[in-house]
Amino acid sequence: MLQCTADAMNGFSSALQTPTDIPFLSWLFGKVSGGEPLTLLNLITLIAAVPVTIIYKIVEGSASGERVRPLRSHGPRCHGKRARTPVG
Protein backbone atom coordinates (compact mmCIF):
# COMPACT_ATOMS: atom_id res chain seq x y z
CA MET A 1 0.00 0.00 0.00
CA LEU A 2 2.88 2.37 0.78
CA GLN A 3 4.37 1.70 -2.65
CA CYS A 4 1.00 2.50 -4.27
CA THR A 5 0.88 5.85 -2.43
CA ALA A 6 4.46 6.65 -3.47
CA ASP A 7 3.65 5.82 -7.10
CA ALA A 8 0.54 8.03 -6.99
CA MET A 9 2.55 10.93 -5.53
CA ASN A 10 5.24 10.53 -8.20
CA GLY A 11 2.58 10.49 -10.94
CA PHE A 12 0.92 13.60 -9.50
CA SER A 13 4.27 15.40 -9.24
CA SER A 14 5.14 14.42 -12.79
CA ALA A 15 1.78 15.68 -14.08
CA LEU A 16 2.30 19.04 -12.34
CA GLN A 17 5.75 19.46 -13.86
CA THR A 18 5.01 18.37 -17.43
CA PRO A 19 5.30 21.28 -19.90
CA THR A 20 1.92 22.38 -21.25
CA ASP A 21 1.32 24.15 -24.56
CA ILE A 22 -1.46 26.73 -24.30
CA PRO A 23 -1.40 29.10 -27.29
CA PHE A 24 -0.18 32.60 -26.44
CA LEU A 25 -0.11 31.90 -22.68
CA SER A 26 2.83 29.48 -23.01
CA TRP A 27 4.69 31.99 -25.17
CA LEU A 28 3.95 34.88 -22.78
CA PHE A 29 4.98 32.85 -19.73
CA GLY A 30 8.24 31.90 -21.47
CA LYS A 31 9.01 35.59 -22.14
CA VAL A 32 8.19 36.66 -18.57
CA SER A 33 9.94 33.75 -16.84
CA GLY A 34 13.16 33.88 -18.84
CA GLY A 35 12.38 30.88 -21.03
CA GLU A 36 10.97 28.51 -18.42
CA PRO A 37 8.27 26.26 -19.91
CA LEU A 38 4.67 26.60 -18.75
CA THR A 39 3.65 23.68 -16.56
CA LEU A 40 0.43 23.00 -14.70
CA LEU A 41 2.16 23.96 -11.45
CA ASN A 42 3.39 27.25 -12.95
CA LEU A 43 -0.11 27.96 -14.26
CA ILE A 44 -1.71 27.32 -10.86
CA THR A 45 0.76 29.61 -9.08
CA LEU A 46 0.32 32.29 -11.74
CA ILE A 47 -3.46 32.17 -11.37
CA ALA A 48 -3.15 32.31 -7.56
CA ALA A 49 -0.69 35.22 -7.69
CA VAL A 50 -3.16 37.61 -9.33
CA PRO A 51 -5.83 37.73 -6.57
CA VAL A 52 -3.20 37.49 -3.83
CA THR A 53 -1.41 40.55 -5.25
CA ILE A 54 -4.65 42.49 -5.58
CA ILE A 55 -5.69 41.68 -2.00
CA TYR A 56 -2.21 42.59 -0.71
CA LYS A 57 -2.32 45.95 -2.49
CA ILE A 58 -5.77 46.68 -1.05
CA VAL A 59 -4.76 45.76 2.50
CA GLU A 60 -1.28 47.32 2.51
CA GLY A 61 -1.95 50.20 0.13
CA SER A 62 1.01 49.39 -2.13
CA ALA A 63 2.86 46.63 -3.94
CA SER A 64 5.23 44.47 -1.92
CA GLY A 65 8.36 46.13 -3.31
CA GLU A 66 7.22 49.72 -3.00
CA ARG A 67 7.88 51.97 0.00
CA VAL A 68 4.98 53.80 1.55
CA ARG A 69 5.72 57.22 3.02
CA PRO A 70 4.05 57.96 6.33
CA LEU A 71 1.37 60.64 6.14
CA ARG A 72 3.06 62.61 8.91
CA SER A 73 5.73 62.17 11.50
CA HIS A 74 4.43 61.75 15.02
CA GLY A 75 7.78 62.22 16.71
CA PRO A 76 7.74 61.44 20.44
CA ARG A 77 3.94 61.67 20.68
CA CYS A 78 1.84 58.67 21.51
CA HIS A 79 -1.90 58.64 20.76
CA GLY A 80 -2.00 62.41 20.38
CA LYS A 81 -0.26 63.10 23.71
CA ARG A 82 3.37 63.69 24.44
CA ALA A 83 5.18 60.63 25.69
CA ARG A 84 6.06 60.86 29.36
CA THR A 85 9.62 60.51 30.46
CA PRO A 86 10.26 58.47 33.59
CA VAL A 87 11.03 60.49 36.74
CA GLY A 88 14.12 59.64 38.64
PDB file of N, CA and C in Angstrom:
ATOM      1  N   MET A   1       0.818  -1.192   0.000  1.00  0.00           N
ATOM      2  CA  MET A   1       0.000   0.000   0.000  1.00  0.00           C
ATOM      3  C   MET A   1       0.864   1.260   0.000  1.00  0.00           C
ATOM      4  N   LEU A   2       1.971   1.221   0.735  1.00  0.00           N
ATOM      5  CA  LEU A   2       2.879   2.370   0.783  1.00  0.00           C
ATOM      6  C   LEU A   2       3.490   2.627  -0.596  1.00  0.00           C
ATOM      7  N   GLN A   3       3.812   1.554  -1.311  1.00  0.00           N
ATOM      8  CA  GLN A   3       4.366   1.704  -2.653  1.00  0.00           C
ATOM      9  C   GLN A   3       3.330   2.317  -3.591  1.00  0.00           C
ATOM     10  N   CYS A   4       2.071   1.948  -3.435  1.00  0.00           N
ATOM     11  CA  CYS A   4       0.999   2.500  -4.266  1.00  0.00           C
ATOM     12  C   CYS A   4       0.861   4.007  -4.022  1.00  0.00           C
ATOM     13  N   THR A   5       0.951   4.425  -2.769  1.00  0.00           N
ATOM     14  CA  THR A   5       0.881   5.851  -2.428  1.00  0.00           C
ATOM     15  C   THR A   5       2.074   6.603  -3.013  1.00  0.00           C
ATOM     16  N   ALA A   6       3.255   6.020  -2.916  1.00  0.00           N
ATOM     17  CA  ALA A   6       4.461   6.655  -3.467  1.00  0.00           C
ATOM     18  C   ALA A   6       4.339   6.792  -4.985  1.00  0.00           C
ATOM     19  N   ASP A   7       3.828   5.756  -5.650  1.00  0.00           N
ATOM     20  CA  ASP A   7       3.654   5.818  -7.103  1.00  0.00           C
ATOM     21  C   ASP A   7       2.639   6.896  -7.491  1.00  0.00           C
ATOM     22  N   ALA A   8       1.557   7.010  -6.715  1.00  0.00           N
ATOM     23  CA  ALA A   8       0.544   8.027  -6.995  1.00  0.00           C
ATOM     24  C   ALA A   8       1.129   9.429  -6.820  1.00  0.00           C
ATOM     25  N   MET A   9       1.916   9.628  -5.776  1.00  0.00           N
ATOM     26  CA  MET A   9       2.546  10.930  -5.532  1.00  0.00           C
ATOM     27  C   MET A   9       3.538  11.276  -6.643  1.00  0.00           C
ATOM     28  N   ASN A  10       4.300  10.301  -7.097  1.00  0.00           N
ATOM     29  CA  ASN A  10       5.239  10.531  -8.195  1.00  0.00           C
ATOM     30  C   ASN A  10       4.495  10.873  -9.484  1.00  0.00           C
ATOM     31  N   GLY A  11       3.383  10.189  -9.745  1.00  0.00           N
ATOM     32  CA  GLY A  11       2.584  10.488 -10.938  1.00  0.00           C
ATOM     33  C   GLY A  11       1.978  11.881 -10.868  1.00  0.00           C
ATOM     34  N   PHE A  12       1.495  12.273  -9.691  1.00  0.00           N
ATOM     35  CA  PHE A  12       0.919  13.604  -9.498  1.00  0.00           C
ATOM     36  C   PHE A  12       1.988  14.680  -9.680  1.00  0.00           C
ATOM     37  N   SER A  13       3.158  14.454  -9.106  1.00  0.00           N
ATOM     38  CA  SER A  13       4.271  15.400  -9.240  1.00  0.00           C
ATOM     39  C   SER A  13       4.705  15.529 -10.693  1.00  0.00           C
ATOM     40  N   SER A  14       4.756  14.408 -11.377  1.00  0.00           N
ATOM     41  CA  SER A  14       5.136  14.418 -12.788  1.00  0.00           C
ATOM     42  C   SER A  14       4.115  15.178 -13.634  1.00  0.00           C
ATOM     43  N   ALA A  15       2.829  14.978 -13.328  1.00  0.00           N
ATOM     44  CA  ALA A  15       1.778  15.678 -14.075  1.00  0.00           C
ATOM     45  C   ALA A  15       1.861  17.187 -13.853  1.00  0.00           C
ATOM     46  N   LEU A  16       2.183  17.601 -12.636  1.00  0.00           N
ATOM     47  CA  LEU A  16       2.295  19.036 -12.342  1.00  0.00           C
ATOM     48  C   LEU A  16       3.486  19.682 -13.040  1.00  0.00           C
ATOM     49  N   GLN A  17       4.520  18.902 -13.296  1.00  0.00           N
ATOM     50  CA  GLN A  17       5.747  19.462 -13.858  1.00  0.00           C
ATOM     51  C   GLN A  17       5.927  19.200 -15.345  1.00  0.00           C
ATOM     52  N   THR A  18       4.941  18.615 -15.997  1.00  0.00           N
ATOM     53  CA  THR A  18       5.009  18.370 -17.435  1.00  0.00           C
ATOM     54  C   THR A  18       4.704  19.663 -18.187  1.00  0.00           C
ATOM     55  N   PRO A  19       5.565  20.060 -19.124  1.00  0.00           N
ATOM     56  CA  PRO A  19       5.297  21.281 -19.895  1.00  0.00           C
ATOM     57  C   PRO A  19       3.966  21.193 -20.642  1.00  0.00           C
ATOM     58  N   THR A  20       3.234  22.299 -20.625  1.00  0.00           N
ATOM     59  CA  THR A  20       1.919  22.382 -21.247  1.00  0.00           C
ATOM     60  C   THR A  20       1.958  23.446 -22.326  1.00  0.00           C
ATOM     61  N   ASP A  21       1.333  23.177 -23.467  1.00  0.00           N
ATOM     62  CA  ASP A  21       1.320  24.151 -24.555  1.00  0.00           C
ATOM     63  C   ASP A  21      -0.070  24.758 -24.681  1.00  0.00           C
ATOM     64  N   ILE A  22      -0.215  25.972 -24.167  1.00  0.00           N
ATOM     65  CA  ILE A  22      -1.457  26.731 -24.299  1.00  0.00           C
ATOM     66  C   ILE A  22      -1.119  27.921 -25.189  1.00  0.00           C
ATOM     67  N   PRO A  23      -1.748  28.011 -26.369  1.00  0.00           N
ATOM     68  CA  PRO A  23      -1.403  29.096 -27.289  1.00  0.00           C
ATOM     69  C   PRO A  23      -1.394  30.461 -26.597  1.00  0.00           C
ATOM     70  N   PHE A  24      -0.450  31.257 -26.944  1.00  0.00           N
ATOM     71  CA  PHE A  24      -0.180  32.605 -26.438  1.00  0.00           C
ATOM     72  C   PHE A  24       0.251  32.602 -24.976  1.00  0.00           C
ATOM     73  N   LEU A  25      -0.462  31.894 -24.092  1.00  0.00           N
ATOM     74  CA  LEU A  25      -0.112  31.899 -22.675  1.00  0.00           C
ATOM     75  C   LEU A  25       1.247  31.238 -22.443  1.00  0.00           C
ATOM     76  N   SER A  26       1.523  30.141 -23.133  1.00  0.00           N
ATOM     77  CA  SER A  26       2.827  29.479 -23.006  1.00  0.00           C
ATOM     78  C   SER A  26       3.940  30.394 -23.507  1.00  0.00           C
ATOM     79  N   TRP A  27       3.699  31.065 -24.622  1.00  0.00           N
ATOM     80  CA  TRP A  27       4.692  31.992 -25.172  1.00  0.00           C
ATOM     81  C   TRP A  27       4.925  33.159 -24.211  1.00  0.00           C
ATOM     82  N   LEU A  28       3.841  33.748 -23.705  1.00  0.00           N
ATOM     83  CA  LEU A  28       3.953  34.883 -22.783  1.00  0.00           C
ATOM     84  C   LEU A  28       4.667  34.483 -21.505  1.00  0.00           C
ATOM     85  N   PHE A  29       4.324  33.318 -20.944  1.00  0.00           N
ATOM     86  CA  PHE A  29       4.984  32.849 -19.732  1.00  0.00           C
ATOM     87  C   PHE A  29       6.469  32.629 -19.979  1.00  0.00           C
ATOM     88  N   GLY A  30       6.821  32.095 -21.143  1.00  0.00           N
ATOM     89  CA  GLY A  30       8.235  31.899 -21.474  1.00  0.00           C
ATOM     90  C   GLY A  30       8.991  33.215 -21.529  1.00  0.00           C
ATOM     91  N   LYS A  31       8.365  34.266 -22.067  1.00  0.00           N
ATOM     92  CA  LYS A  31       9.006  35.587 -22.136  1.00  0.00           C
ATOM     93  C   LYS A  31       9.179  36.188 -20.742  1.00  0.00           C
ATOM     94  N   VAL A  32       8.157  36.060 -19.902  1.00  0.00           N
ATOM     95  CA  VAL A  32       8.190  36.659 -18.566  1.00  0.00           C
ATOM     96  C   VAL A  32       9.121  35.893 -17.634  1.00  0.00           C
ATOM     97  N   SER A  33       9.173  34.582 -17.776  1.00  0.00           N
ATOM     98  CA  SER A  33       9.942  33.754 -16.841  1.00  0.00           C
ATOM     99  C   SER A  33      11.373  33.488 -17.300  1.00  0.00           C
ATOM    100  N   GLY A  34      11.796  34.106 -18.366  1.00  0.00           N
ATOM    101  CA  GLY A  34      13.160  33.885 -18.839  1.00  0.00           C
ATOM    102  C   GLY A  34      13.339  32.575 -19.586  1.00  0.00           C
ATOM    103  N   GLY A  35      12.275  32.088 -20.218  1.00  0.00           N
ATOM    104  CA  GLY A  35      12.381  30.882 -21.030  1.00  0.00           C
ATOM    105  C   GLY A  35      11.915  29.612 -20.347  1.00  0.00           C
ATOM    106  N   GLU A  36      11.465  29.699 -19.117  1.00  0.00           N
ATOM    107  CA  GLU A  36      10.971  28.514 -18.423  1.00  0.00           C
ATOM    108  C   GLU A  36       9.671  28.048 -19.068  1.00  0.00           C
ATOM    109  N   PRO A  37       9.500  26.735 -19.270  1.00  0.00           N
ATOM    110  CA  PRO A  37       8.267  26.257 -19.907  1.00  0.00           C
ATOM    111  C   PRO A  37       7.074  26.370 -18.956  1.00  0.00           C
ATOM    112  N   LEU A  38       5.898  26.545 -19.532  1.00  0.00           N
ATOM    113  CA  LEU A  38       4.670  26.604 -18.750  1.00  0.00           C
ATOM    114  C   LEU A  38       4.261  25.189 -18.359  1.00  0.00           C
ATOM    115  N   THR A  39       4.127  24.966 -17.069  1.00  0.00           N
ATOM    116  CA  THR A  39       3.653  23.682 -16.557  1.00  0.00           C
ATOM    117  C   THR A  39       2.344  23.929 -15.815  1.00  0.00           C
ATOM    118  N   LEU A  40       1.665  22.860 -15.449  1.00  0.00           N
ATOM    119  CA  LEU A  40       0.431  23.000 -14.697  1.00  0.00           C
ATOM    120  C   LEU A  40       0.704  23.680 -13.349  1.00  0.00           C
ATOM    121  N   LEU A  41       1.802  23.336 -12.724  1.00  0.00           N
ATOM    122  CA  LEU A  41       2.164  23.955 -11.447  1.00  0.00           C
ATOM    123  C   LEU A  41       2.421  25.455 -11.618  1.00  0.00           C
ATOM    124  N   ASN A  42       3.144  25.827 -12.674  1.00  0.00           N
ATOM    125  CA  ASN A  42       3.389  27.248 -12.953  1.00  0.00           C
ATOM    126  C   ASN A  42       2.081  27.988 -13.225  1.00  0.00           C
ATOM    127  N   LEU A  43       1.174  27.342 -13.944  1.00  0.00           N
ATOM    128  CA  LEU A  43      -0.111  27.960 -14.263  1.00  0.00           C
ATOM    129  C   LEU A  43      -0.950  28.178 -12.999  1.00  0.00           C
ATOM    130  N   ILE A  44      -0.966  27.192 -12.113  1.00  0.00           N
ATOM    131  CA  ILE A  44      -1.714  27.321 -10.855  1.00  0.00           C
ATOM    132  C   ILE A  44      -1.153  28.458 -10.009  1.00  0.00           C
ATOM    133  N   THR A  45       0.161  28.543  -9.891  1.00  0.00           N
ATOM    134  CA  THR A  45       0.755  29.606  -9.077  1.00  0.00           C
ATOM    135  C   THR A  45       0.549  30.974  -9.728  1.00  0.00           C
ATOM    136  N   LEU A  46       0.570  31.025 -11.046  1.00  0.00           N
ATOM    137  CA  LEU A  46       0.321  32.288 -11.742  1.00  0.00           C
ATOM    138  C   LEU A  46      -1.111  32.755 -11.515  1.00  0.00           C
ATOM    139  N   ILE A  47      -2.060  31.831 -11.605  1.00  0.00           N
ATOM    140  CA  ILE A  47      -3.463  32.173 -11.373  1.00  0.00           C
ATOM    141  C   ILE A  47      -3.673  32.603  -9.921  1.00  0.00           C
ATOM    142  N   ALA A  48      -3.020  31.952  -8.978  1.00  0.00           N
ATOM    143  CA  ALA A  48      -3.154  32.308  -7.561  1.00  0.00           C
ATOM    144  C   ALA A  48      -2.495  33.652  -7.251  1.00  0.00           C
ATOM    145  N   ALA A  49      -1.431  33.991  -7.972  1.00  0.00           N
ATOM    146  CA  ALA A  49      -0.690  35.220  -7.688  1.00  0.00           C
ATOM    147  C   ALA A  49      -1.508  36.476  -7.977  1.00  0.00           C
ATOM    148  N   VAL A  50      -2.396  36.422  -8.946  1.00  0.00           N
ATOM    149  CA  VAL A  50      -3.162  37.613  -9.329  1.00  0.00           C
ATOM    150  C   VAL A  50      -4.075  38.081  -8.190  1.00  0.00           C
ATOM    151  N   PRO A  51      -4.982  37.236  -7.669  1.00  0.00           N
ATOM    152  CA  PRO A  51      -5.830  37.729  -6.572  1.00  0.00           C
ATOM    153  C   PRO A  51      -5.052  38.014  -5.289  1.00  0.00           C
ATOM    154  N   VAL A  52      -3.998  37.241  -5.027  1.00  0.00           N
ATOM    155  CA  VAL A  52      -3.199  37.489  -3.827  1.00  0.00           C
ATOM    156  C   VAL A  52      -2.545  38.866  -3.908  1.00  0.00           C
ATOM    157  N   THR A  53      -2.020  39.235  -5.068  1.00  0.00           N
ATOM    158  CA  THR A  53      -1.405  40.551  -5.251  1.00  0.00           C
ATOM    159  C   THR A  53      -2.426  41.666  -5.104  1.00  0.00           C
ATOM    160  N   ILE A  54      -3.600  41.476  -5.679  1.00  0.00           N
ATOM    161  CA  ILE A  54      -4.652  42.491  -5.582  1.00  0.00           C
ATOM    162  C   ILE A  54      -5.077  42.680  -4.126  1.00  0.00           C
ATOM    163  N   ILE A  55      -5.286  41.589  -3.412  1.00  0.00           N
ATOM    164  CA  ILE A  55      -5.691  41.683  -2.004  1.00  0.00           C
ATOM    165  C   ILE A  55      -4.588  42.339  -1.181  1.00  0.00           C
ATOM    166  N   TYR A  56      -3.324  41.980  -1.441  1.00  0.00           N
ATOM    167  CA  TYR A  56      -2.207  42.585  -0.715  1.00  0.00           C
ATOM    168  C   TYR A  56      -2.170  44.093  -0.944  1.00  0.00           C
ATOM    169  N   LYS A  57      -2.350  44.518  -2.188  1.00  0.00           N
ATOM    170  CA  LYS A  57      -2.322  45.950  -2.485  1.00  0.00           C
ATOM    171  C   LYS A  57      -3.471  46.684  -1.812  1.00  0.00           C
ATOM    172  N   ILE A  58      -4.634  46.054  -1.728  1.00  0.00           N
ATOM    173  CA  ILE A  58      -5.773  46.684  -1.051  1.00  0.00           C
ATOM    174  C   ILE A  58      -5.501  46.813   0.441  1.00  0.00           C
ATOM    175  N   VAL A  59      -4.996  45.757   1.051  1.00  0.00           N
ATOM    176  CA  VAL A  59      -4.758  45.756   2.498  1.00  0.00           C
ATOM    177  C   VAL A  59      -3.595  46.667   2.876  1.00  0.00           C
ATOM    178  N   GLU A  60      -2.484  46.568   2.164  1.00  0.00           N
ATOM    179  CA  GLU A  60      -1.284  47.323   2.512  1.00  0.00           C
ATOM    180  C   GLU A  60      -1.210  48.696   1.854  1.00  0.00           C
ATOM    181  N   GLY A  61      -1.956  48.919   0.816  1.00  0.00           N
ATOM    182  CA  GLY A  61      -1.947  50.204   0.131  1.00  0.00           C
ATOM    183  C   GLY A  61      -0.832  50.362  -0.879  1.00  0.00           C
ATOM    184  N   SER A  62      -0.063  49.315  -1.137  1.00  0.00           N
ATOM    185  CA  SER A  62       1.007  49.386  -2.130  1.00  0.00           C
ATOM    186  C   SER A  62       1.438  47.981  -2.525  1.00  0.00           C
ATOM    187  N   ALA A  63       2.287  47.916  -3.533  1.00  0.00           N
ATOM    188  CA  ALA A  63       2.857  46.632  -3.937  1.00  0.00           C
ATOM    189  C   ALA A  63       3.934  46.237  -2.941  1.00  0.00           C
ATOM    190  N   SER A  64       4.301  44.967  -2.920  1.00  0.00           N
ATOM    191  CA  SER A  64       5.234  44.468  -1.916  1.00  0.00           C
ATOM    192  C   SER A  64       6.616  45.113  -2.010  1.00  0.00           C
ATOM    193  N   GLY A  65       7.042  45.544  -3.174  1.00  0.00           N
ATOM    194  CA  GLY A  65       8.364  46.128  -3.313  1.00  0.00           C
ATOM    195  C   GLY A  65       8.419  47.638  -3.173  1.00  0.00           C
ATOM    196  N   GLU A  66       7.264  48.266  -3.068  1.00  0.00           N
ATOM    197  CA  GLU A  66       7.215  49.720  -2.996  1.00  0.00           C
ATOM    198  C   GLU A  66       7.272  50.187  -1.545  1.00  0.00           C
ATOM    199  N   ARG A  67       7.838  51.366  -1.338  1.00  0.00           N
ATOM    200  CA  ARG A  67       7.876  51.966  -0.004  1.00  0.00           C
ATOM    201  C   ARG A  67       6.697  52.906   0.141  1.00  0.00           C
ATOM    202  N   VAL A  68       6.086  52.898   1.277  1.00  0.00           N
ATOM    203  CA  VAL A  68       4.982  53.797   1.553  1.00  0.00           C
ATOM    204  C   VAL A  68       5.484  54.861   2.517  1.00  0.00           C
ATOM    205  N   ARG A  69       5.328  56.128   2.140  1.00  0.00           N
ATOM    206  CA  ARG A  69       5.725  57.221   3.025  1.00  0.00           C
ATOM    207  C   ARG A  69       4.659  57.417   4.081  1.00  0.00           C
ATOM    208  N   PRO A  70       5.070  57.672   5.315  1.00  0.00           N
ATOM    209  CA  PRO A  70       4.053  57.957   6.331  1.00  0.00           C
ATOM    210  C   PRO A  70       3.372  59.282   6.019  1.00  0.00           C
ATOM    211  N   LEU A  71       2.105  59.410   6.405  1.00  0.00           N
ATOM    212  CA  LEU A  71       1.372  60.642   6.143  1.00  0.00           C
ATOM    213  C   LEU A  71       1.969  61.816   6.904  1.00  0.00           C
ATOM    214  N   ARG A  72       2.402  61.573   8.123  1.00  0.00           N
ATOM    215  CA  ARG A  72       3.058  62.614   8.912  1.00  0.00           C
ATOM    216  C   ARG A  72       3.918  61.943   9.962  1.00  0.00           C
ATOM    217  N   SER A  73       4.848  62.685  10.468  1.00  0.00           N
ATOM    218  CA  SER A  73       5.726  62.167  11.500  1.00  0.00           C
ATOM    219  C   SER A  73       5.140  62.505  12.858  1.00  0.00           C
ATOM    220  N   HIS A  74       5.001  61.525  13.705  1.00  0.00           N
ATOM    221  CA  HIS A  74       4.431  61.752  15.022  1.00  0.00           C
ATOM    222  C   HIS A  74       5.482  62.138  16.058  1.00  0.00           C
ATOM    223  N   GLY A  75       6.729  61.892  15.764  1.00  0.00           N
ATOM    224  CA  GLY A  75       7.777  62.224  16.709  1.00  0.00           C
ATOM    225  C   GLY A  75       7.586  61.466  18.011  1.00  0.00           C
ATOM    226  N   PRO A  76       7.832  62.135  19.151  1.00  0.00           N
ATOM    227  CA  PRO A  76       7.741  61.438  20.436  1.00  0.00           C
ATOM    228  C   PRO A  76       6.318  61.324  20.966  1.00  0.00           C
ATOM    229  N   ARG A  77       5.325  61.730  20.202  1.00  0.00           N
ATOM    230  CA  ARG A  77       3.941  61.669  20.675  1.00  0.00           C
ATOM    231  C   ARG A  77       3.402  60.246  20.607  1.00  0.00           C
ATOM    232  N   CYS A  78       2.474  59.984  21.483  1.00  0.00           N
ATOM    233  CA  CYS A  78       1.843  58.673  21.513  1.00  0.00           C
ATOM    234  C   CYS A  78       0.350  58.882  21.690  1.00  0.00           C
ATOM    235  N   HIS A  79      -0.443  58.484  20.728  1.00  0.00           N
ATOM    236  CA  HIS A  79      -1.903  58.641  20.763  1.00  0.00           C
ATOM    237  C   HIS A  79      -2.314  60.094  20.967  1.00  0.00           C
ATOM    238  N   GLY A  80      -1.631  60.997  20.314  1.00  0.00           N
ATOM    239  CA  GLY A  80      -1.996  62.406  20.380  1.00  0.00           C
ATOM    240  C   GLY A  80      -1.455  63.137  21.585  1.00  0.00           C
ATOM    241  N   LYS A  81      -0.830  62.457  22.524  1.00  0.00           N
ATOM    242  CA  LYS A  81      -0.262  63.105  23.713  1.00  0.00           C
ATOM    243  C   LYS A  81       1.241  62.916  23.711  1.00  0.00           C
ATOM    244  N   ARG A  82       1.925  63.824  24.352  1.00  0.00           N
ATOM    245  CA  ARG A  82       3.373  63.689  24.444  1.00  0.00           C
ATOM    246  C   ARG A  82       3.719  62.492  25.317  1.00  0.00           C
ATOM    247  N   ALA A  83       4.727  61.775  24.906  1.00  0.00           N
ATOM    248  CA  ALA A  83       5.176  60.627  25.695  1.00  0.00           C
ATOM    249  C   ALA A  83       5.808  61.119  26.987  1.00  0.00           C
ATOM    250  N   ARG A  84       5.501  60.468  28.064  1.00  0.00           N
ATOM    251  CA  ARG A  84       6.055  60.862  29.364  1.00  0.00           C
ATOM    252  C   ARG A  84       7.426  60.252  29.539  1.00  0.00           C
ATOM    253  N   THR A  85       8.293  61.028  30.150  1.00  0.00           N
ATOM    254  CA  THR A  85       9.620  60.510  30.463  1.00  0.00           C
ATOM    255  C   THR A  85       9.600  60.070  31.913  1.00  0.00           C
ATOM    256  N   PRO A  86      10.256  58.954  32.219  1.00  0.00           N
ATOM    257  CA  PRO A  86      10.258  58.474  33.590  1.00  0.00           C
ATOM    258  C   PRO A  86      10.964  59.457  34.521  1.00  0.00           C
ATOM    259  N   VAL A  87      10.453  59.594  35.731  1.00  0.00           N
ATOM    260  CA  VAL A  87      11.033  60.490  36.736  1.00  0.00           C
ATOM    261  C   VAL A  87      12.038  59.691  37.539  1.00  0.00           C
ATOM    262  N   GLY A  88      13.180  60.312  37.750  1.00  0.00           N
ATOM    263  CA  GLY A  88      14.118  59.636  38.641  1.00  0.00           C
ATOM    264  C   GLY A  88      15.478  59.566  38.177  1.00  0.00           C
TER     265      GLY A  88
END
